[in-house]
């Protein structure tokens, strides 16, 4: 599979005069803890299959492909709007020593940092400032710091592509140093195409579920709750096609091969089929008589960080039942679905 690698170099820094005053007091003749100049090179590495997935799955539906590219242009992006940078102690509770944020909106910008010599753990996050669904929680402690979704039975999709990095650092005395920090994507996207053919219906709503609700930044691990929230999709406006397109952006699903890392694989989005559903689409079709048919489409392959997954389904009858030509996908159907019995899905 051809993987798209987009690289964006970032040299970010700041004159931290406060650090100098704190560690090198004016009345202290011992200057052994004073800092040295060092440079931080930040590189966003967008490892994604979006171009391959859209080309493969939508080669005959260029209008849908174009609409998805536009809709996801702020997700699979080679540009960081904002960065949040923290330097933590490596002993005790690993508390924050220095922290600042900056707005970048450019491919490159440069600063020089001046910090006392010592060992640090550095965490970097990009594009979280304008994402109302995700925030940085416990930012003052390294191993508790996480990207945390808002709580709720039903939540909105993410609206930015999130990138993170972690970097052990040892600032040495008397040496100007350069540290290279690579940030990788932490969220994913799905798209569902529904071929309605000639069947009549009044309304269709689509949700996704089965994804992580938080990401531990220092450990690069996801948190999966016992009950995942329902994620609202966005219906895209597409012309000259009978297909309806719904898209969600969220954290990844559980993985069928949890030992495999996306950033360390030549085929990061190739995965074995799991014995159970890893995530789902929930499709609610309101018919002309007002009744609702629920179709739950269970996906046996994982949705990984940086991945775009396109799924195609179609109506199988005039009762709004959804079917798929993919035999690995499981579908369960409830006719005359009653929203009163399922209050966590707000139709």
C-alpha atoms as a PDB file:
ATOM      1  CA  UNK A   1       0.000   0.000   0.000  1.00  0.00           C
ATOM      2  CA  UNK A   2       1.273   3.392  -0.885  1.00  0.00           C
ATOM      3  CA  UNK A   3       1.518   5.500   2.257  1.00  0.00           C
ATOM      4  CA  UNK A   4       1.450   9.260   2.108  1.00  0.00           C
ATOM      5  CA  UNK A   5       4.252  10.853   4.082  1.00  0.00           C
ATOM      6  CA  UNK A   6       3.972  14.599   4.418  1.00  0.00           C
ATOM      7  CA  UNK A   7       6.705  16.343   6.347  1.00  0.00           C
ATOM      8  CA  UNK A   8       6.615  19.760   7.897  1.00  0.00           C
ATOM      9  CA  UNK A   9       9.728  21.102   9.586  1.00  0.00           C
ATOM     10  CA  UNK A  10       9.316  23.278  12.627  1.00  0.00           C
ATOM     11  CA  UNK A  11      12.025  24.948  14.642  1.00  0.00           C
ATOM     12  CA  UNK A  12      10.348  26.322  17.716  1.00  0.00           C
ATOM     13  CA  UNK A  13      11.811  28.128  20.658  1.00  0.00           C
ATOM     14  CA  UNK A  14      11.558  30.822  23.251  1.00  0.00           C
ATOM     15  CA  UNK A  15      13.895  32.903  25.421  1.00  0.00           C
ATOM     16  CA  UNK A  16      13.073  31.607  28.880  1.00  0.00           C
ATOM     17  CA  UNK A  17      14.690  34.284  31.015  1.00  0.00           C
ATOM     18  CA  UNK A  18      12.568  33.158  33.953  1.00  0.00           C
ATOM     19  CA  UNK A  19      14.420  29.839  33.928  1.00  0.00           C
ATOM     20  CA  UNK A  20      17.746  31.638  34.159  1.00  0.00           C
ATOM     21  CA  UNK A  21      16.644  33.762  37.116  1.00  0.00           C
ATOM     22  CA  UNK A  22      15.165  30.759  38.909  1.00  0.00           C
ATOM     23  CA  UNK A  23      18.156  28.438  38.526  1.00  0.00           C
ATOM     24  CA  UNK A  24      20.958  30.997  38.560  1.00  0.00           C
ATOM     25  CA  UNK A  25      20.123  33.411  41.358  1.00  0.00           C
ATOM     26  CA  UNK A  26      21.881  36.758  41.292  1.00  0.00           C
ATOM     27  CA  UNK A  27      23.355  36.200  44.749  1.00  0.00           C
ATOM     28  CA  UNK A  28      24.476  32.645  44.019  1.00  0.00           C
ATOM     29  CA  UNK A  29      28.110  32.431  42.927  1.00  0.00           C
ATOM     30  CA  UNK A  30      27.729  28.787  41.889  1.00  0.00           C
ATOM     31  CA  UNK A  31      26.691  28.937  38.236  1.00  0.00           C
ATOM     32  CA  UNK A  32      27.003  25.208  37.591  1.00  0.00           C
ATOM     33  CA  UNK A  33      23.239  24.886  37.041  1.00  0.00           C
ATOM     34  CA  UNK A  34      23.040  27.658  34.450  1.00  0.00           C
ATOM     35  CA  UNK A  35      21.697  26.678  31.050  1.00  0.00           C
ATOM     36  CA  UNK A  36      23.098  26.436  27.568  1.00  0.00           C
ATOM     37  CA  UNK A  37      21.599  27.365  24.220  1.00  0.00           C
ATOM     38  CA  UNK A  38      19.833  24.551  22.465  1.00  0.00           C
ATOM     39  CA  UNK A  39      17.576  24.181  19.470  1.00  0.00           C
ATOM     40  CA  UNK A  40      14.341  22.213  19.196  1.00  0.00           C
ATOM     41  CA  UNK A  41      13.432  20.918  15.738  1.00  0.00           C
ATOM     42  CA  UNK A  42       9.773  19.925  15.500  1.00  0.00           C
ATOM     43  CA  UNK A  43       8.583  17.855  12.556  1.00  0.00           C
ATOM     44  CA  UNK A  44       4.967  16.868  11.967  1.00  0.00           C
ATOM     45  CA  UNK A  45       4.911  13.488  10.236  1.00  0.00           C
ATOM     46  CA  UNK A  46       1.567  12.869   8.611  1.00  0.00           C
ATOM     47  CA  UNK A  47       1.483   9.120   7.987  1.00  0.00           C
ATOM     48  CA  UNK A  48      -1.919   8.445   6.444  1.00  0.00           C
ATOM     49  CA  UNK A  49      -3.633   6.340   3.812  1.00  0.00           C
ATOM     50  CA  UNK A  50      -6.221   8.954   2.796  1.00  0.00           C
ATOM     51  CA  UNK A  51      -5.073   9.324  -0.809  1.00  0.00           C
ATOM     52  CA  UNK A  52      -4.816   5.563  -1.320  1.00  0.00           C
ATOM     53  CA  UNK A  53      -8.181   4.910   0.352  1.00  0.00           C
ATOM     54  CA  UNK A  54     -10.059   7.538  -1.646  1.00  0.00           C
ATOM     55  CA  UNK A  55      -8.441   6.483  -4.904  1.00  0.00           C
ATOM     56  CA  UNK A  56      -9.145   2.788  -4.293  1.00  0.00           C
ATOM     57  CA  UNK A  57     -12.651   3.032  -2.887  1.00  0.00           C
ATOM     58  CA  UNK A  58     -13.988   6.036  -4.801  1.00  0.00           C
ATOM     59  CA  UNK A  59     -12.289   5.845  -8.185  1.00  0.00           C
ATOM     60  CA  UNK A  60     -15.675   5.998  -9.940  1.00  0.00           C
ATOM     61  CA  UNK A  61     -17.192   8.556  -7.570  1.00  0.00           C
ATOM     62  CA  UNK A  62     -14.975  11.597  -7.904  1.00  0.00           C
ATOM     63  CA  UNK A  63     -17.577  13.967  -6.458  1.00  0.00           C
ATOM     64  CA  UNK A  64     -17.697  12.101  -3.152  1.00  0.00           C
ATOM     65  CA  UNK A  65     -13.906  11.835  -3.119  1.00  0.00           C
ATOM     66  CA  UNK A  66     -13.562  15.577  -3.674  1.00  0.00           C
ATOM     67  CA  UNK A  67     -16.117  16.370  -0.976  1.00  0.00           C
ATOM     68  CA  UNK A  68     -14.274  14.170   1.534  1.00  0.00           C
ATOM     69  CA  UNK A  69     -10.916  15.764   0.740  1.00  0.00           C
ATOM     70  CA  UNK A  70     -12.418  19.197   1.334  1.00  0.00           C
ATOM     71  CA  UNK A  71     -14.228  18.158   4.508  1.00  0.00           C
ATOM     72  CA  UNK A  72     -11.081  16.557   5.965  1.00  0.00           C
ATOM     73  CA  UNK A  73      -8.601  19.207   4.817  1.00  0.00           C
ATOM     74  CA  UNK A  74      -8.222  20.467   8.392  1.00  0.00           C
ATOM     75  CA  UNK A  75      -7.746  16.926   9.735  1.00  0.00           C
ATOM     76  CA  UNK A  76      -5.139  15.369   7.443  1.00  0.00           C
ATOM     77  CA  UNK A  77      -3.139  18.566   7.238  1.00  0.00           C
ATOM     78  CA  UNK A  78       0.569  19.300   6.977  1.00  0.00           C
ATOM     79  CA  UNK A  79       0.164  22.504   8.979  1.00  0.00           C
ATOM     80  CA  UNK A  80       0.162  23.068  12.722  1.00  0.00           C
ATOM     81  CA  UNK A  81      -2.040  25.902  13.895  1.00  0.00           C
ATOM     82  CA  UNK A  82      -0.954  25.789  17.531  1.00  0.00           C
ATOM     83  CA  UNK A  83       1.544  23.929  19.700  1.00  0.00           C
ATOM     84  CA  UNK A  84       1.593  23.172  23.418  1.00  0.00           C
ATOM     85  CA  UNK A  85       5.075  22.401  24.776  1.00  0.00           C
ATOM     86  CA  UNK A  86       5.894  21.105  28.264  1.00  0.00           C
ATOM     87  CA  UNK A  87       9.170  20.168  29.960  1.00  0.00           C
ATOM     88  CA  UNK A  88       8.830  17.884  32.979  1.00  0.00           C
ATOM     89  CA  UNK A  89      11.036  16.746  35.815  1.00  0.00           C
ATOM     90  CA  UNK A  90      12.005  13.072  35.568  1.00  0.00           C
ATOM     91  CA  UNK A  91      11.908  12.292  39.297  1.00  0.00           C
ATOM     92  CA  UNK A  92       9.172  12.190  41.910  1.00  0.00           C
ATOM     93  CA  UNK A  93       5.781  13.189  40.544  1.00  0.00           C
ATOM     94  CA  UNK A  94       7.348  14.362  37.229  1.00  0.00           C
ATOM     95  CA  UNK A  95       5.887  17.852  37.597  1.00  0.00           C
ATOM     96  CA  UNK A  96       6.006  20.566  34.954  1.00  0.00           C
ATOM     97  CA  UNK A  97       9.158  22.666  35.021  1.00  0.00           C
ATOM     98  CA  UNK A  98       8.464  24.861  31.988  1.00  0.00           C
ATOM     99  CA  UNK A  99       5.459  25.175  29.733  1.00  0.00           C
ATOM    100  CA  UNK A 100       4.233  27.472  26.998  1.00  0.00           C
ATOM    101  CA  UNK A 101       1.987  27.501  23.956  1.00  0.00           C
ATOM    102  CA  UNK A 102       2.300  29.268  20.649  1.00  0.00           C
ATOM    103  CA  UNK A 103       0.345  29.879  17.475  1.00  0.00           C
ATOM    104  CA  UNK A 104       2.327  28.791  14.426  1.00  0.00           C
ATOM    105  CA  UNK A 105       0.167  28.865  11.269  1.00  0.00           C
ATOM    106  CA  UNK A 106       3.290  28.520   9.166  1.00  0.00           C
ATOM    107  CA  UNK A 107       5.618  25.835   7.940  1.00  0.00           C
ATOM    108  CA  UNK A 108       8.597  27.130   9.912  1.00  0.00           C
ATOM    109  CA  UNK A 109       9.406  29.393  12.800  1.00  0.00           C
ATOM    110  CA  UNK A 110      12.478  29.516  15.023  1.00  0.00           C
ATOM    111  CA  UNK A 111      13.392  30.218  18.620  1.00  0.00           C
ATOM    112  CA  UNK A 112      16.358  29.567  20.863  1.00  0.00           C
ATOM    113  CA  UNK A 113      15.808  27.917  24.223  1.00  0.00           C
ATOM    114  CA  UNK A 114      18.000  28.446  27.275  1.00  0.00           C
ATOM    115  CA  UNK A 115      17.363  26.028  30.129  1.00  0.00           C
ATOM    116  CA  UNK A 116      19.383  24.711  33.080  1.00  0.00           C
ATOM    117  CA  UNK A 117      21.270  21.481  32.605  1.00  0.00           C
ATOM    118  CA  UNK A 118      19.328  18.449  33.804  1.00  0.00           C
ATOM    119  CA  UNK A 119      17.235  15.584  32.485  1.00  0.00           C
ATOM    120  CA  UNK A 120      13.783  16.421  31.147  1.00  0.00           C
ATOM    121  CA  UNK A 121      10.835  14.627  29.611  1.00  0.00           C
ATOM    122  CA  UNK A 122       9.388  16.807  26.890  1.00  0.00           C
ATOM    123  CA  UNK A 123       5.795  16.461  25.636  1.00  0.00           C
ATOM    124  CA  UNK A 124       4.484  18.287  22.575  1.00  0.00           C
ATOM    125  CA  UNK A 125       0.923  18.565  21.273  1.00  0.00           C
ATOM    126  CA  UNK A 126      -0.306  20.301  18.116  1.00  0.00           C
ATOM    127  CA  UNK A 127      -3.765  21.525  17.049  1.00  0.00           C
ATOM    128  CA  UNK A 128      -5.637  21.103  20.333  1.00  0.00           C
ATOM    129  CA  UNK A 129      -6.454  24.779  21.011  1.00  0.00           C
ATOM    130  CA  UNK A 130      -9.379  25.015  18.553  1.00  0.00           C
ATOM    131  CA  UNK A 131     -10.762  21.519  19.132  1.00  0.00           C
ATOM    132  CA  UNK A 132     -13.791  21.826  21.477  1.00  0.00           C
ATOM    133  CA  UNK A 133     -14.129  18.045  21.809  1.00  0.00           C
ATOM    134  CA  UNK A 134     -10.599  17.371  23.140  1.00  0.00           C
ATOM    135  CA  UNK A 135      -8.452  19.147  25.726  1.00  0.00           C
ATOM    136  CA  UNK A 136      -5.199  18.492  27.605  1.00  0.00           C
ATOM    137  CA  UNK A 137      -5.961  17.044  31.042  1.00  0.00           C
ATOM    138  CA  UNK A 138      -3.525  16.934  34.015  1.00  0.00           C
ATOM    139  CA  UNK A 139      -1.014  19.052  32.122  1.00  0.00           C
ATOM    140  CA  UNK A 140       1.086  19.586  35.256  1.00  0.00           C
ATOM    141  CA  UNK A 141       2.159  15.920  35.608  1.00  0.00           C
ATOM    142  CA  UNK A 142       4.006  14.113  32.853  1.00  0.00           C
ATOM    143  CA  UNK A 143       2.579  10.609  33.220  1.00  0.00           C
ATOM    144  CA  UNK A 144      -0.952  11.808  33.871  1.00  0.00           C
ATOM    145  CA  UNK A 145      -1.042  14.272  30.994  1.00  0.00           C
ATOM    146  CA  UNK A 146      -3.541  13.173  28.360  1.00  0.00           C
ATOM    147  CA  UNK A 147      -5.725  14.261  25.474  1.00  0.00           C
ATOM    148  CA  UNK A 148      -9.184  13.825  26.944  1.00  0.00           C
ATOM    149  CA  UNK A 149     -12.506  13.905  25.104  1.00  0.00           C
ATOM    150  CA  UNK A 150     -15.528  15.643  26.542  1.00  0.00           C
ATOM    151  CA  UNK A 151     -17.803  13.339  28.504  1.00  0.00           C
ATOM    152  CA  UNK A 152     -21.226  12.382  27.220  1.00  0.00           C
ATOM    153  CA  UNK A 153     -23.328   9.569  25.803  1.00  0.00           C
ATOM    154  CA  UNK A 154     -23.241  11.315  22.404  1.00  0.00           C
ATOM    155  CA  UNK A 155     -20.450  13.633  21.300  1.00  0.00           C
ATOM    156  CA  UNK A 156     -19.429  15.577  18.203  1.00  0.00           C
ATOM    157  CA  UNK A 157     -16.590  14.573  15.897  1.00  0.00           C
ATOM    158  CA  UNK A 158     -13.130  16.072  16.310  1.00  0.00           C
ATOM    159  CA  UNK A 159     -12.569  19.115  14.120  1.00  0.00           C
ATOM    160  CA  UNK A 160      -8.746  19.159  13.990  1.00  0.00           C
ATOM    161  CA  UNK A 161      -6.020  16.634  13.291  1.00  0.00           C
ATOM    162  CA  UNK A 162      -4.214  16.062  16.596  1.00  0.00           C
ATOM    163  CA  UNK A 163      -0.461  15.429  16.747  1.00  0.00           C
ATOM    164  CA  UNK A 164       1.692  14.460  19.745  1.00  0.00           C
ATOM    165  CA  UNK A 165       5.275  13.611  20.657  1.00  0.00           C
ATOM    166  CA  UNK A 166       7.309  12.638  23.667  1.00  0.00           C
ATOM    167  CA  UNK A 167      11.081  13.140  23.938  1.00  0.00           C
ATOM    168  CA  UNK A 168      13.513  12.288  26.774  1.00  0.00           C
ATOM    169  CA  UNK A 169      16.123  15.040  26.949  1.00  0.00           C
ATOM    170  CA  UNK A 170      19.388  15.539  28.810  1.00  0.00           C
ATOM    171  CA  UNK A 171      20.639  19.111  28.657  1.00  0.00           C
ATOM    172  CA  UNK A 172      24.421  18.990  29.136  1.00  0.00           C
ATOM    173  CA  UNK A 173      26.712  21.640  30.530  1.00  0.00           C
ATOM    174  CA  UNK A 174      28.848  23.640  28.134  1.00  0.00           C
ATOM    175  CA  UNK A 175      27.347  22.132  24.955  1.00  0.00           C
ATOM    176  CA  UNK A 176      24.968  23.734  22.470  1.00  0.00           C
ATOM    177  CA  UNK A 177      22.553  20.941  21.584  1.00  0.00           C
ATOM    178  CA  UNK A 178      19.900  20.177  18.996  1.00  0.00           C
ATOM    179  CA  UNK A 179      16.891  17.975  19.742  1.00  0.00           C
ATOM    180  CA  UNK A 180      14.661  16.566  17.008  1.00  0.00           C
ATOM    181  CA  UNK A 181      11.045  15.932  17.989  1.00  0.00           C
ATOM    182  CA  UNK A 182       8.702  14.048  15.642  1.00  0.00           C
ATOM    183  CA  UNK A 183       4.966  14.493  16.127  1.00  0.00           C
ATOM    184  CA  UNK A 184       2.566  11.841  14.848  1.00  0.00           C
ATOM    185  CA  UNK A 185      -1.191  11.891  14.356  1.00  0.00           C
ATOM    186  CA  UNK A 186      -3.388  10.716  17.227  1.00  0.00           C
ATOM    187  CA  UNK A 187      -6.870  10.615  15.666  1.00  0.00           C
ATOM    188  CA  UNK A 188      -8.573   9.049  12.638  1.00  0.00           C
ATOM    189  CA  UNK A 189     -11.508   9.434  10.263  1.00  0.00           C
ATOM    190  CA  UNK A 190     -14.295   7.270   8.832  1.00  0.00           C
ATOM    191  CA  UNK A 191     -16.635   7.725   5.879  1.00  0.00           C
ATOM    192  CA  UNK A 192     -19.821   5.759   5.179  1.00  0.00           C
ATOM    193  CA  UNK A 193     -21.402   5.746   1.711  1.00  0.00           C
ATOM    194  CA  UNK A 194     -25.014   4.614   1.489  1.00  0.00           C
ATOM    195  CA  UNK A 195     -26.452   3.695  -1.904  1.00  0.00           C
ATOM    196  CA  UNK A 196     -30.175   4.328  -1.415  1.00  0.00           C
ATOM    197  CA  UNK A 197     -31.016   3.067  -4.920  1.00  0.00           C
ATOM    198  CA  UNK A 198     -34.717   3.582  -5.664  1.00  0.00           C
ATOM    199  CA  UNK A 199     -36.024   2.954  -2.148  1.00  0.00           C
ATOM    200  CA  UNK A 200     -38.072   5.632  -0.425  1.00  0.00           C
ATOM    201  CA  UNK A 201     -37.190   7.024   3.010  1.00  0.00           C
ATOM    202  CA  UNK A 202     -37.811  10.164   5.017  1.00  0.00           C
ATOM    203  CA  UNK A 203     -34.512  10.631   6.891  1.00  0.00           C
ATOM    204  CA  UNK A 204     -31.189   8.915   7.635  1.00  0.00           C
ATOM    205  CA  UNK A 205     -28.910   9.523  10.599  1.00  0.00           C
ATOM    206  CA  UNK A 206     -25.532   7.845  11.082  1.00  0.00           C
ATOM    207  CA  UNK A 207     -23.337   7.504  14.177  1.00  0.00           C
ATOM    208  CA  UNK A 208     -20.072   5.717  14.927  1.00  0.00           C
ATOM    209  CA  UNK A 209     -18.915   4.126  18.187  1.00  0.00           C
ATOM    210  CA  UNK A 210     -16.224   1.880  19.671  1.00  0.00           C
ATOM    211  CA  UNK A 211     -13.347   4.352  19.886  1.00  0.00           C
ATOM    212  CA  UNK A 212     -10.930   5.503  22.579  1.00  0.00           C
ATOM    213  CA  UNK A 213     -11.912   8.422  24.769  1.00  0.00           C
ATOM    214  CA  UNK A 214      -8.415   9.572  25.805  1.00  0.00           C
ATOM    215  CA  UNK A 215      -4.753   9.365  24.820  1.00  0.00           C
ATOM    216  CA  UNK A 216      -1.890   9.201  27.337  1.00  0.00           C
ATOM    217  CA  UNK A 217       0.685  11.527  25.807  1.00  0.00           C
ATOM    218  CA  UNK A 218       3.837  10.325  27.593  1.00  0.00           C
ATOM    219  CA  UNK A 219       3.054   6.621  27.172  1.00  0.00           C
ATOM    220  CA  UNK A 220       1.474   6.916  23.702  1.00  0.00           C
ATOM    221  CA  UNK A 221      -1.418   4.675  24.742  1.00  0.00           C
ATOM    222  CA  UNK A 222      -5.184   5.011  24.353  1.00  0.00           C
ATOM    223  CA  UNK A 223      -7.901   4.688  26.984  1.00  0.00           C
ATOM    224  CA  UNK A 224     -10.959   2.581  26.083  1.00  0.00           C
ATOM    225  CA  UNK A 225     -14.036   2.798  28.302  1.00  0.00           C
ATOM    226  CA  UNK A 226     -16.393  -0.075  29.007  1.00  0.00           C
ATOM    227  CA  UNK A 227     -19.066   1.826  27.090  1.00  0.00           C
ATOM    228  CA  UNK A 228     -17.871   4.027  24.239  1.00  0.00           C
ATOM    229  CA  UNK A 229     -19.753   7.229  23.467  1.00  0.00           C
ATOM    230  CA  UNK A 230     -21.765   7.624  20.289  1.00  0.00           C
ATOM    231  CA  UNK A 231     -20.044   9.939  17.782  1.00  0.00           C
ATOM    232  CA  UNK A 232     -22.178  12.134  15.551  1.00  0.00           C
ATOM    233  CA  UNK A 233     -21.253  12.087  11.877  1.00  0.00           C
ATOM    234  CA  UNK A 234     -21.470  14.962   9.416  1.00  0.00           C
ATOM    235  CA  UNK A 235     -23.451  14.448   6.230  1.00  0.00           C
ATOM    236  CA  UNK A 236     -21.546  15.878   3.299  1.00  0.00           C
ATOM    237  CA  UNK A 237     -23.216  17.794   0.497  1.00  0.00           C
ATOM    238  CA  UNK A 238     -22.404  15.923  -2.708  1.00  0.00           C
ATOM    239  CA  UNK A 239     -23.824  16.651  -6.159  1.00  0.00           C
ATOM    240  CA  UNK A 240     -24.514  14.342  -9.106  1.00  0.00           C
ATOM    241  CA  UNK A 241     -24.608  11.089  -7.128  1.00  0.00           C
ATOM    242  CA  UNK A 242     -27.197   8.837  -5.527  1.00  0.00           C
ATOM    243  CA  UNK A 243     -24.828   8.008  -2.663  1.00  0.00           C
ATOM    244  CA  UNK A 244     -25.163   9.642   0.728  1.00  0.00           C
ATOM    245  CA  UNK A 245     -21.860  10.299   2.525  1.00  0.00           C
ATOM    246  CA  UNK A 246     -21.426  10.543   6.300  1.00  0.00           C
ATOM    247  CA  UNK A 247     -18.075  11.278   7.966  1.00  0.00           C
ATOM    248  CA  UNK A 248     -16.751  11.151  11.545  1.00  0.00           C
ATOM    249  CA  UNK A 249     -13.397  12.079  13.089  1.00  0.00           C
ATOM    250  CA  UNK A 250     -12.435  10.407  16.362  1.00  0.00           C
ATOM    251  CA  UNK A 251      -9.752   8.570  18.281  1.00  0.00           C
ATOM    252  CA  UNK A 252      -8.811   5.082  16.976  1.00  0.00           C
ATOM    253  CA  UNK A 253     -10.563   1.822  17.798  1.00  0.00           C
ATOM    254  CA  UNK A 254      -9.078  -1.082  19.685  1.00  0.00           C
ATOM    255  CA  UNK A 255      -6.579  -3.008  17.581  1.00  0.00           C
ATOM    256  CA  UNK A 256      -6.602  -6.620  16.432  1.00  0.00           C
ATOM    257  CA  UNK A 257      -2.799  -6.516  16.790  1.00  0.00           C
ATOM    258  CA  UNK A 258      -2.041  -4.183  19.735  1.00  0.00           C
ATOM    259  CA  UNK A 259       1.718  -4.799  19.513  1.00  0.00           C
ATOM    260  CA  UNK A 260       2.007  -3.200  16.077  1.00  0.00           C
ATOM    261  CA  UNK A 261       2.838   0.491  15.938  1.00  0.00           C
ATOM    262  CA  UNK A 262       1.768   2.615  12.976  1.00  0.00           C
ATOM    263  CA  UNK A 263       4.994   4.628  12.966  1.00  0.00           C
ATOM    264  CA  UNK A 264       7.180   1.503  12.898  1.00  0.00           C
ATOM    265  CA  UNK A 265       5.533  -0.402  10.050  1.00  0.00           C
ATOM    266  CA  UNK A 266       5.943  -0.365   6.282  1.00  0.00           C
ATOM    267  CA  UNK A 267       2.244  -1.238   5.975  1.00  0.00           C
ATOM    268  CA  UNK A 268       0.748   0.603   8.943  1.00  0.00           C
ATOM    269  CA  UNK A 269      -2.887   0.169   7.956  1.00  0.00           C
ATOM    270  CA  UNK A 270      -2.836  -3.504   6.979  1.00  0.00           C
ATOM    271  CA  UNK A 271      -4.432  -5.467   9.816  1.00  0.00           C
ATOM    272  CA  UNK A 272      -5.784  -8.957  10.483  1.00  0.00           C
ATOM    273  CA  UNK A 273      -9.503  -9.478  10.935  1.00  0.00           C
ATOM    274  CA  UNK A 274     -10.504  -9.709  14.583  1.00  0.00           C
ATOM    275  CA  UNK A 275     -12.835 -12.361  15.976  1.00  0.00           C
ATOM    276  CA  UNK A 276     -15.139  -9.656  17.287  1.00  0.00           C
ATOM    277  CA  UNK A 277     -16.346  -6.213  16.256  1.00  0.00           C
ATOM    278  CA  UNK A 278     -13.821  -3.480  17.018  1.00  0.00           C
ATOM    279  CA  UNK A 279     -16.066  -0.528  16.141  1.00  0.00           C
ATOM    280  CA  UNK A 280     -19.464   0.155  14.595  1.00  0.00           C
ATOM    281  CA  UNK A 281     -21.653   2.296  12.406  1.00  0.00           C
ATOM    282  CA  UNK A 282     -25.191   2.761  13.682  1.00  0.00           C
ATOM    283  CA  UNK A 283     -27.603   3.723  10.912  1.00  0.00           C
ATOM    284  CA  UNK A 284     -31.156   4.905  11.587  1.00  0.00           C
ATOM    285  CA  UNK A 285     -33.534   5.092   8.621  1.00  0.00           C
ATOM    286  CA  UNK A 286     -36.863   6.850   9.139  1.00  0.00           C
ATOM    287  CA  UNK A 287     -39.440   5.560   6.674  1.00  0.00           C
ATOM    288  CA  UNK A 288     -42.400   7.443   5.204  1.00  0.00           C
ATOM    289  CA  UNK A 289     -44.756   5.934   7.805  1.00  0.00           C
ATOM    290  CA  UNK A 290     -42.601   7.323  10.639  1.00  0.00           C
ATOM    291  CA  UNK A 291     -41.118   3.995  11.735  1.00  0.00           C
ATOM    292  CA  UNK A 292     -37.354   3.702  12.251  1.00  0.00           C
ATOM    293  CA  UNK A 293     -35.073   0.850  11.172  1.00  0.00           C
ATOM    294  CA  UNK A 294     -31.755   0.481  12.987  1.00  0.00           C
ATOM    295  CA  UNK A 295     -28.850  -1.240  11.210  1.00  0.00           C
ATOM    296  CA  UNK A 296     -25.668  -1.816  13.237  1.00  0.00           C
ATOM    297  CA  UNK A 297     -22.664  -2.374  10.959  1.00  0.00           C
ATOM    298  CA  UNK A 298     -19.872  -4.066  12.924  1.00  0.00           C
ATOM    299  CA  UNK A 299     -16.309  -3.584  11.674  1.00  0.00           C
ATOM    300  CA  UNK A 300     -13.804  -6.396  12.402  1.00  0.00           C
ATOM    301  CA  UNK A 301     -10.687  -4.478  11.352  1.00  0.00           C
ATOM    302  CA  UNK A 302      -9.173  -1.705  13.470  1.00  0.00           C
ATOM    303  CA  UNK A 303      -9.218   2.000  12.758  1.00  0.00           C
ATOM    304  CA  UNK A 304      -5.681   3.168  13.497  1.00  0.00           C
ATOM    305  CA  UNK A 305      -4.127   6.601  14.149  1.00  0.00           C
ATOM    306  CA  UNK A 306      -3.863   8.572  10.918  1.00  0.00           C
ATOM    307  CA  UNK A 307      -6.138   6.160   9.067  1.00  0.00           C
ATOM    308  CA  UNK A 308      -9.039   7.028   6.777  1.00  0.00           C
ATOM    309  CA  UNK A 309     -11.568   4.233   6.292  1.00  0.00           C
ATOM    310  CA  UNK A 310     -14.288   4.275   3.606  1.00  0.00           C
ATOM    311  CA  UNK A 311     -17.164   1.794   3.952  1.00  0.00           C
ATOM    312  CA  UNK A 312     -19.859   1.270   1.313  1.00  0.00           C
ATOM    313  CA  UNK A 313     -23.315  -0.134   2.067  1.00  0.00           C
ATOM    314  CA  UNK A 314     -26.737  -0.120   0.390  1.00  0.00           C
ATOM    315  CA  UNK A 315     -30.441  -0.552   1.039  1.00  0.00           C
ATOM    316  CA  UNK A 316     -31.595  -4.151   0.655  1.00  0.00           C
ATOM    317  CA  UNK A 317     -35.364  -3.607   0.773  1.00  0.00           C
ATOM    318  CA  UNK A 318     -38.076  -1.020   1.258  1.00  0.00           C
ATOM    319  CA  UNK A 319     -37.929  -1.332   5.044  1.00  0.00           C
ATOM    320  CA  UNK A 320     -34.684   0.630   5.295  1.00  0.00           C
ATOM    321  CA  UNK A 321     -32.520  -2.410   6.012  1.00  0.00           C
ATOM    322  CA  UNK A 322     -28.804  -1.857   5.317  1.00  0.00           C
ATOM    323  CA  UNK A 323     -26.679  -4.524   3.596  1.00  0.00           C
ATOM    324  CA  UNK A 324     -23.014  -4.806   2.594  1.00  0.00           C
ATOM    325  CA  UNK A 325     -21.156  -6.717  -0.109  1.00  0.00           C
ATOM    326  CA  UNK A 326     -18.240  -7.200   2.318  1.00  0.00           C
ATOM    327  CA  UNK A 327     -18.652 -10.626   3.927  1.00  0.00           C
ATOM    328  CA  UNK A 328     -16.336  -9.730   6.809  1.00  0.00           C
ATOM    329  CA  UNK A 329     -18.728  -7.011   7.999  1.00  0.00           C
ATOM    330  CA  UNK A 330     -21.464  -8.024  10.414  1.00  0.00           C
ATOM    331  CA  UNK A 331     -24.894  -6.341  10.291  1.00  0.00           C
ATOM    332  CA  UNK A 332     -27.727  -6.634  12.796  1.00  0.00           C
ATOM    333  CA  UNK A 333     -31.110  -5.058  12.114  1.00  0.00           C
ATOM    334  CA  UNK A 334     -33.946  -3.899  14.352  1.00  0.00           C
ATOM    335  CA  UNK A 335     -37.227  -3.075  12.631  1.00  0.00           C
ATOM    336  CA  UNK A 336     -39.598  -0.583  14.277  1.00  0.00           C
ATOM    337  CA  UNK A 337     -36.721   0.609  16.443  1.00  0.00           C
ATOM    338  CA  UNK A 338     -38.026   2.672  19.350  1.00  0.00           C
ATOM    339  CA  UNK A 339     -35.932   5.618  20.455  1.00  0.00           C
ATOM    340  CA  UNK A 340     -37.596   5.559  23.865  1.00  0.00           C
ATOM    341  CA  UNK A 341     -35.817   2.273  24.569  1.00  0.00           C
ATOM    342  CA  UNK A 342     -32.454   3.738  23.505  1.00  0.00           C
ATOM    343  CA  UNK A 343     -32.117   7.206  25.071  1.00  0.00           C
ATOM    344  CA  UNK A 344     -28.390   7.422  24.321  1.00  0.00           C
ATOM    345  CA  UNK A 345     -29.075   7.886  20.599  1.00  0.00           C
ATOM    346  CA  UNK A 346     -30.792  11.281  20.161  1.00  0.00           C
ATOM    347  CA  UNK A 347     -32.585  11.093  16.810  1.00  0.00           C
END
